[in-house]
Amino acid sequence: MTILRTRTPQSPQTTAAALEPFRLMRDFMRWDPLRDYDLGGPEMAFMPSFDVKETPDAYQFKADLPGILEADLEISLEGTRLTVAGKREEEILKEGERTHLAERSHGRFSRTFTLPEDVEGEKVVAELRNGVLTLMVPKRPEVRPRKINVSLG
């Protein structure tokens, strides 16, 4: 059985999309100069991507973590440093099975984010549902925007 990896031709990216700084940095961080050499170790390390969004009341972190169990996930907040760590196990081949193509990554990962001083660390909420981790880090009430009424005098 021969499995060929093919790519569909894509049109050239527009200049703005090609020079998007966060995409360039993500691609650079995943670049591995030794990827094509078999050094006996794992071919790819598992490193989930995160989306971070700020709302008026909180900071929201989302990450796709398919195949990760809650027991294999560790989330900690020390001061203003939020750390998400975990592992995804490699599938074990049963007798008589062999791998023709293995592109899914596995292993341990750890991501650390530095938060602003205005967070309430005691009220962080974490939820893992359908392979998506959602973290809500609320802001302190005194830094949340509030509406000020104007009285006619």
C-alpha atoms as a PDB file:
ATOM      1  CA  MET A   1       0.000   0.000   0.000  1.00  0.00           C
ATOM      2  CA  THR A   2       1.420   3.360  -0.980  1.00  0.00           C
ATOM      3  CA  ILE A   3       0.155   6.537   0.610  1.00  0.00           C
ATOM      4  CA  LEU A   4       1.153   9.746  -1.104  1.00  0.00           C
ATOM      5  CA  ARG A   5       0.952  13.065   0.636  1.00  0.00           C
ATOM      6  CA  THR A   6      -0.309  15.744  -1.701  1.00  0.00           C
ATOM      7  CA  ARG A   7      -1.074  19.394  -1.321  1.00  0.00           C
ATOM      8  CA  THR A   8      -3.612  21.337  -3.269  1.00  0.00           C
ATOM      9  CA  PRO A   9      -2.164  24.372  -5.006  1.00  0.00           C
ATOM     10  CA  GLN A  10      -3.090  27.615  -3.312  1.00  0.00           C
ATOM     11  CA  SER A  11      -3.184  31.083  -4.699  1.00  0.00           C
ATOM     12  CA  PRO A  12      -0.419  33.406  -3.462  1.00  0.00           C
ATOM     13  CA  GLN A  13      -1.253  35.192  -0.223  1.00  0.00           C
ATOM     14  CA  THR A  14      -2.007  38.843  -0.264  1.00  0.00           C
ATOM     15  CA  THR A  15       0.746  41.065   1.053  1.00  0.00           C
ATOM     16  CA  ALA A  16      -1.137  41.915   4.263  1.00  0.00           C
ATOM     17  CA  ALA A  17      -1.883  38.249   5.053  1.00  0.00           C
ATOM     18  CA  ALA A  18       1.673  37.146   4.218  1.00  0.00           C
ATOM     19  CA  LEU A  19       3.178  39.746   6.547  1.00  0.00           C
ATOM     20  CA  GLU A  20       0.758  39.276   9.460  1.00  0.00           C
ATOM     21  CA  PRO A  21       3.220  39.388  12.412  1.00  0.00           C
ATOM     22  CA  PHE A  22       1.517  36.883  14.715  1.00  0.00           C
ATOM     23  CA  ARG A  23       1.232  34.295  11.945  1.00  0.00           C
ATOM     24  CA  LEU A  24       4.897  34.798  11.077  1.00  0.00           C
ATOM     25  CA  MET A  25       5.880  34.335  14.736  1.00  0.00           C
ATOM     26  CA  ARG A  26       3.709  31.190  15.145  1.00  0.00           C
ATOM     27  CA  ASP A  27       5.239  29.693  12.002  1.00  0.00           C
ATOM     28  CA  PHE A  28       8.739  30.584  13.192  1.00  0.00           C
ATOM     29  CA  MET A  29       8.158  29.064  16.654  1.00  0.00           C
ATOM     30  CA  ARG A  30       7.034  25.776  15.062  1.00  0.00           C
ATOM     31  CA  TRP A  31       9.988  25.643  12.644  1.00  0.00           C
ATOM     32  CA  ASP A  32      12.323  22.767  13.340  1.00  0.00           C
ATOM     33  CA  PRO A  33      15.586  22.699  11.356  1.00  0.00           C
ATOM     34  CA  LEU A  34      16.154  19.028  12.281  1.00  0.00           C
ATOM     35  CA  ARG A  35      12.642  17.880  11.287  1.00  0.00           C
ATOM     36  CA  ASP A  36      13.882  15.980   8.221  1.00  0.00           C
ATOM     37  CA  TYR A  37      16.537  14.050  10.153  1.00  0.00           C
ATOM     38  CA  ASP A  38      15.640  10.936  12.111  1.00  0.00           C
ATOM     39  CA  LEU A  39      17.393  11.341  15.446  1.00  0.00           C
ATOM     40  CA  GLY A  40      15.441   8.587  17.179  1.00  0.00           C
ATOM     41  CA  GLY A  41      13.224  11.013  19.104  1.00  0.00           C
ATOM     42  CA  PRO A  42       9.667  12.172  18.595  1.00  0.00           C
ATOM     43  CA  GLU A  43       9.108  13.760  15.209  1.00  0.00           C
ATOM     44  CA  MET A  44       6.759  16.482  16.373  1.00  0.00           C
ATOM     45  CA  ALA A  45       6.086  17.976  19.770  1.00  0.00           C
ATOM     46  CA  PHE A  46       2.505  18.745  20.669  1.00  0.00           C
ATOM     47  CA  MET A  47       2.033  22.477  21.213  1.00  0.00           C
ATOM     48  CA  PRO A  48      -1.572  23.693  21.243  1.00  0.00           C
ATOM     49  CA  SER A  49      -2.439  27.099  19.859  1.00  0.00           C
ATOM     50  CA  PHE A  50      -4.300  29.559  22.076  1.00  0.00           C
ATOM     51  CA  ASP A  51      -6.740  32.363  21.365  1.00  0.00           C
ATOM     52  CA  VAL A  52      -6.695  35.172  23.959  1.00  0.00           C
ATOM     53  CA  LYS A  53      -9.499  37.707  24.061  1.00  0.00           C
ATOM     54  CA  GLU A  54     -10.195  40.610  26.408  1.00  0.00           C
ATOM     55  CA  THR A  55     -13.745  41.537  27.353  1.00  0.00           C
ATOM     56  CA  PRO A  56     -14.783  44.398  29.647  1.00  0.00           C
ATOM     57  CA  ASP A  57     -15.030  41.937  32.570  1.00  0.00           C
ATOM     58  CA  ALA A  58     -12.364  39.285  31.925  1.00  0.00           C
ATOM     59  CA  TYR A  59      -9.578  37.782  29.835  1.00  0.00           C
ATOM     60  CA  GLN A  60     -10.628  34.659  27.929  1.00  0.00           C
ATOM     61  CA  PHE A  61      -8.186  31.935  26.856  1.00  0.00           C
ATOM     62  CA  LYS A  62      -9.239  29.162  24.463  1.00  0.00           C
ATOM     63  CA  ALA A  63      -7.201  26.220  23.216  1.00  0.00           C
ATOM     64  CA  ASP A  64      -8.018  23.153  21.148  1.00  0.00           C
ATOM     65  CA  LEU A  65      -6.859  20.135  23.159  1.00  0.00           C
ATOM     66  CA  PRO A  66      -8.265  17.085  21.370  1.00  0.00           C
ATOM     67  CA  GLY A  67      -7.490  13.784  23.041  1.00  0.00           C
ATOM     68  CA  ILE A  68      -6.381  15.341  26.329  1.00  0.00           C
ATOM     69  CA  LEU A  69      -8.046  14.112  29.480  1.00  0.00           C
ATOM     70  CA  GLU A  70      -8.827  16.403  32.390  1.00  0.00           C
ATOM     71  CA  ALA A  71      -6.491  14.317  34.559  1.00  0.00           C
ATOM     72  CA  ASP A  72      -3.618  15.042  32.118  1.00  0.00           C
ATOM     73  CA  LEU A  73      -4.098  18.821  32.334  1.00  0.00           C
ATOM     74  CA  GLU A  74      -2.579  21.162  34.935  1.00  0.00           C
ATOM     75  CA  ILE A  75      -3.484  24.842  35.185  1.00  0.00           C
ATOM     76  CA  SER A  76      -1.801  27.149  37.682  1.00  0.00           C
ATOM     77  CA  LEU A  77      -1.690  30.862  38.431  1.00  0.00           C
ATOM     78  CA  GLU A  78       1.299  32.238  40.347  1.00  0.00           C
ATOM     79  CA  GLY A  79       1.088  35.977  40.728  1.00  0.00           C
ATOM     80  CA  THR A  80       0.450  37.184  37.190  1.00  0.00           C
ATOM     81  CA  ARG A  81       1.817  34.061  35.436  1.00  0.00           C
ATOM     82  CA  LEU A  82      -0.841  31.692  34.096  1.00  0.00           C
ATOM     83  CA  THR A  83       0.545  28.281  33.107  1.00  0.00           C
ATOM     84  CA  VAL A  84      -1.308  25.578  31.189  1.00  0.00           C
ATOM     85  CA  ALA A  85       0.523  22.255  30.973  1.00  0.00           C
ATOM     86  CA  GLY A  86      -0.452  18.758  29.991  1.00  0.00           C
ATOM     87  CA  LYS A  87       0.271  15.764  27.836  1.00  0.00           C
ATOM     88  CA  ARG A  88      -1.256  13.811  24.996  1.00  0.00           C
ATOM     89  CA  GLU A  89      -0.303  10.156  24.934  1.00  0.00           C
ATOM     90  CA  GLU A  90       1.023   8.414  21.850  1.00  0.00           C
ATOM     91  CA  GLU A  91      -1.230   5.694  20.473  1.00  0.00           C
ATOM     92  CA  ILE A  92       0.188   2.241  21.095  1.00  0.00           C
ATOM     93  CA  LEU A  93       0.159  -0.123  18.141  1.00  0.00           C
ATOM     94  CA  LYS A  94      -1.491  -3.496  18.683  1.00  0.00           C
ATOM     95  CA  GLU A  95       0.101  -6.679  17.430  1.00  0.00           C
ATOM     96  CA  GLY A  96      -0.138  -6.926  13.646  1.00  0.00           C
ATOM     97  CA  GLU A  97      -0.670  -3.172  13.172  1.00  0.00           C
ATOM     98  CA  ARG A  98       1.781  -0.836  11.508  1.00  0.00           C
ATOM     99  CA  THR A  99       1.812   2.864  10.843  1.00  0.00           C
ATOM    100  CA  HIS A 100       1.844   4.166   7.274  1.00  0.00           C
ATOM    101  CA  LEU A 101       1.560   7.848   8.136  1.00  0.00           C
ATOM    102  CA  ALA A 102       1.799   9.610  11.499  1.00  0.00           C
ATOM    103  CA  GLU A 103       1.188  13.359  11.403  1.00  0.00           C
ATOM    104  CA  ARG A 104      -0.631  13.882  14.696  1.00  0.00           C
ATOM    105  CA  SER A 105       1.692  15.079  17.414  1.00  0.00           C
ATOM    106  CA  HIS A 106       1.855  13.922  21.010  1.00  0.00           C
ATOM    107  CA  GLY A 107       3.860  14.518  24.153  1.00  0.00           C
ATOM    108  CA  ARG A 108       4.068  17.063  26.943  1.00  0.00           C
ATOM    109  CA  PHE A 109       3.418  20.763  26.516  1.00  0.00           C
ATOM    110  CA  SER A 110       3.526  23.872  28.677  1.00  0.00           C
ATOM    111  CA  ARG A 111       2.406  27.406  27.847  1.00  0.00           C
ATOM    112  CA  THR A 112       2.851  30.387  30.176  1.00  0.00           C
ATOM    113  CA  PHE A 113       1.131  33.754  29.828  1.00  0.00           C
ATOM    114  CA  THR A 114       1.861  36.917  31.793  1.00  0.00           C
ATOM    115  CA  LEU A 115      -1.354  38.631  32.862  1.00  0.00           C
ATOM    116  CA  PRO A 116      -1.890  42.274  33.810  1.00  0.00           C
ATOM    117  CA  GLU A 117      -2.040  43.189  37.495  1.00  0.00           C
ATOM    118  CA  ASP A 118      -5.810  43.821  37.342  1.00  0.00           C
ATOM    119  CA  VAL A 119      -6.951  40.150  37.497  1.00  0.00           C
ATOM    120  CA  GLU A 120      -8.766  38.286  40.269  1.00  0.00           C
ATOM    121  CA  GLY A 121      -6.718  35.106  40.481  1.00  0.00           C
ATOM    122  CA  GLU A 122      -8.992  33.469  43.048  1.00  0.00           C
ATOM    123  CA  LYS A 123     -11.944  33.486  40.635  1.00  0.00           C
ATOM    124  CA  VAL A 124     -10.403  31.871  37.535  1.00  0.00           C
ATOM    125  CA  VAL A 125     -12.794  29.402  35.875  1.00  0.00           C
ATOM    126  CA  ALA A 126     -11.568  26.544  33.658  1.00  0.00           C
ATOM    127  CA  GLU A 127     -13.753  24.307  31.496  1.00  0.00           C
ATOM    128  CA  LEU A 128     -12.764  21.449  29.182  1.00  0.00           C
ATOM    129  CA  ARG A 129     -15.626  20.560  26.854  1.00  0.00           C
ATOM    130  CA  ASN A 130     -15.485  18.657  23.561  1.00  0.00           C
ATOM    131  CA  GLY A 131     -11.702  19.011  23.393  1.00  0.00           C
ATOM    132  CA  VAL A 132     -11.743  22.804  23.864  1.00  0.00           C
ATOM    133  CA  LEU A 133     -10.257  24.359  26.998  1.00  0.00           C
ATOM    134  CA  THR A 134     -11.788  27.693  28.030  1.00  0.00           C
ATOM    135  CA  LEU A 135     -10.267  29.780  30.824  1.00  0.00           C
ATOM    136  CA  MET A 136     -11.989  32.894  32.131  1.00  0.00           C
ATOM    137  CA  VAL A 137      -9.747  35.186  34.193  1.00  0.00           C
ATOM    138  CA  PRO A 138     -11.931  37.970  35.649  1.00  0.00           C
ATOM    139  CA  LYS A 139     -10.755  41.532  36.136  1.00  0.00           C
ATOM    140  CA  ARG A 140     -11.010  43.280  39.508  1.00  0.00           C
ATOM    141  CA  PRO A 141     -14.237  45.329  39.789  1.00  0.00           C
ATOM    142  CA  GLU A 142     -12.418  48.637  40.249  1.00  0.00           C
ATOM    143  CA  VAL A 143     -10.771  48.364  36.815  1.00  0.00           C
ATOM    144  CA  ARG A 144     -13.883  47.333  34.903  1.00  0.00           C
ATOM    145  CA  PRO A 145     -15.457  50.055  32.808  1.00  0.00           C
ATOM    146  CA  ARG A 146     -18.586  51.570  34.298  1.00  0.00           C
ATOM    147  CA  LYS A 147     -21.143  54.045  33.071  1.00  0.00           C
ATOM    148  CA  ILE A 148     -21.311  57.395  34.789  1.00  0.00           C
ATOM    149  CA  ASN A 149     -24.648  59.182  34.682  1.00  0.00           C
ATOM    150  CA  VAL A 150     -24.727  62.906  34.092  1.00  0.00           C
ATOM    151  CA  SER A 151     -27.228  64.867  36.164  1.00  0.00           C
ATOM    152  CA  LEU A 152     -28.813  68.014  34.892  1.00  0.00           C
ATOM    153  CA  GLY A 153     -28.242  70.821  37.355  1.00  0.00           C
END
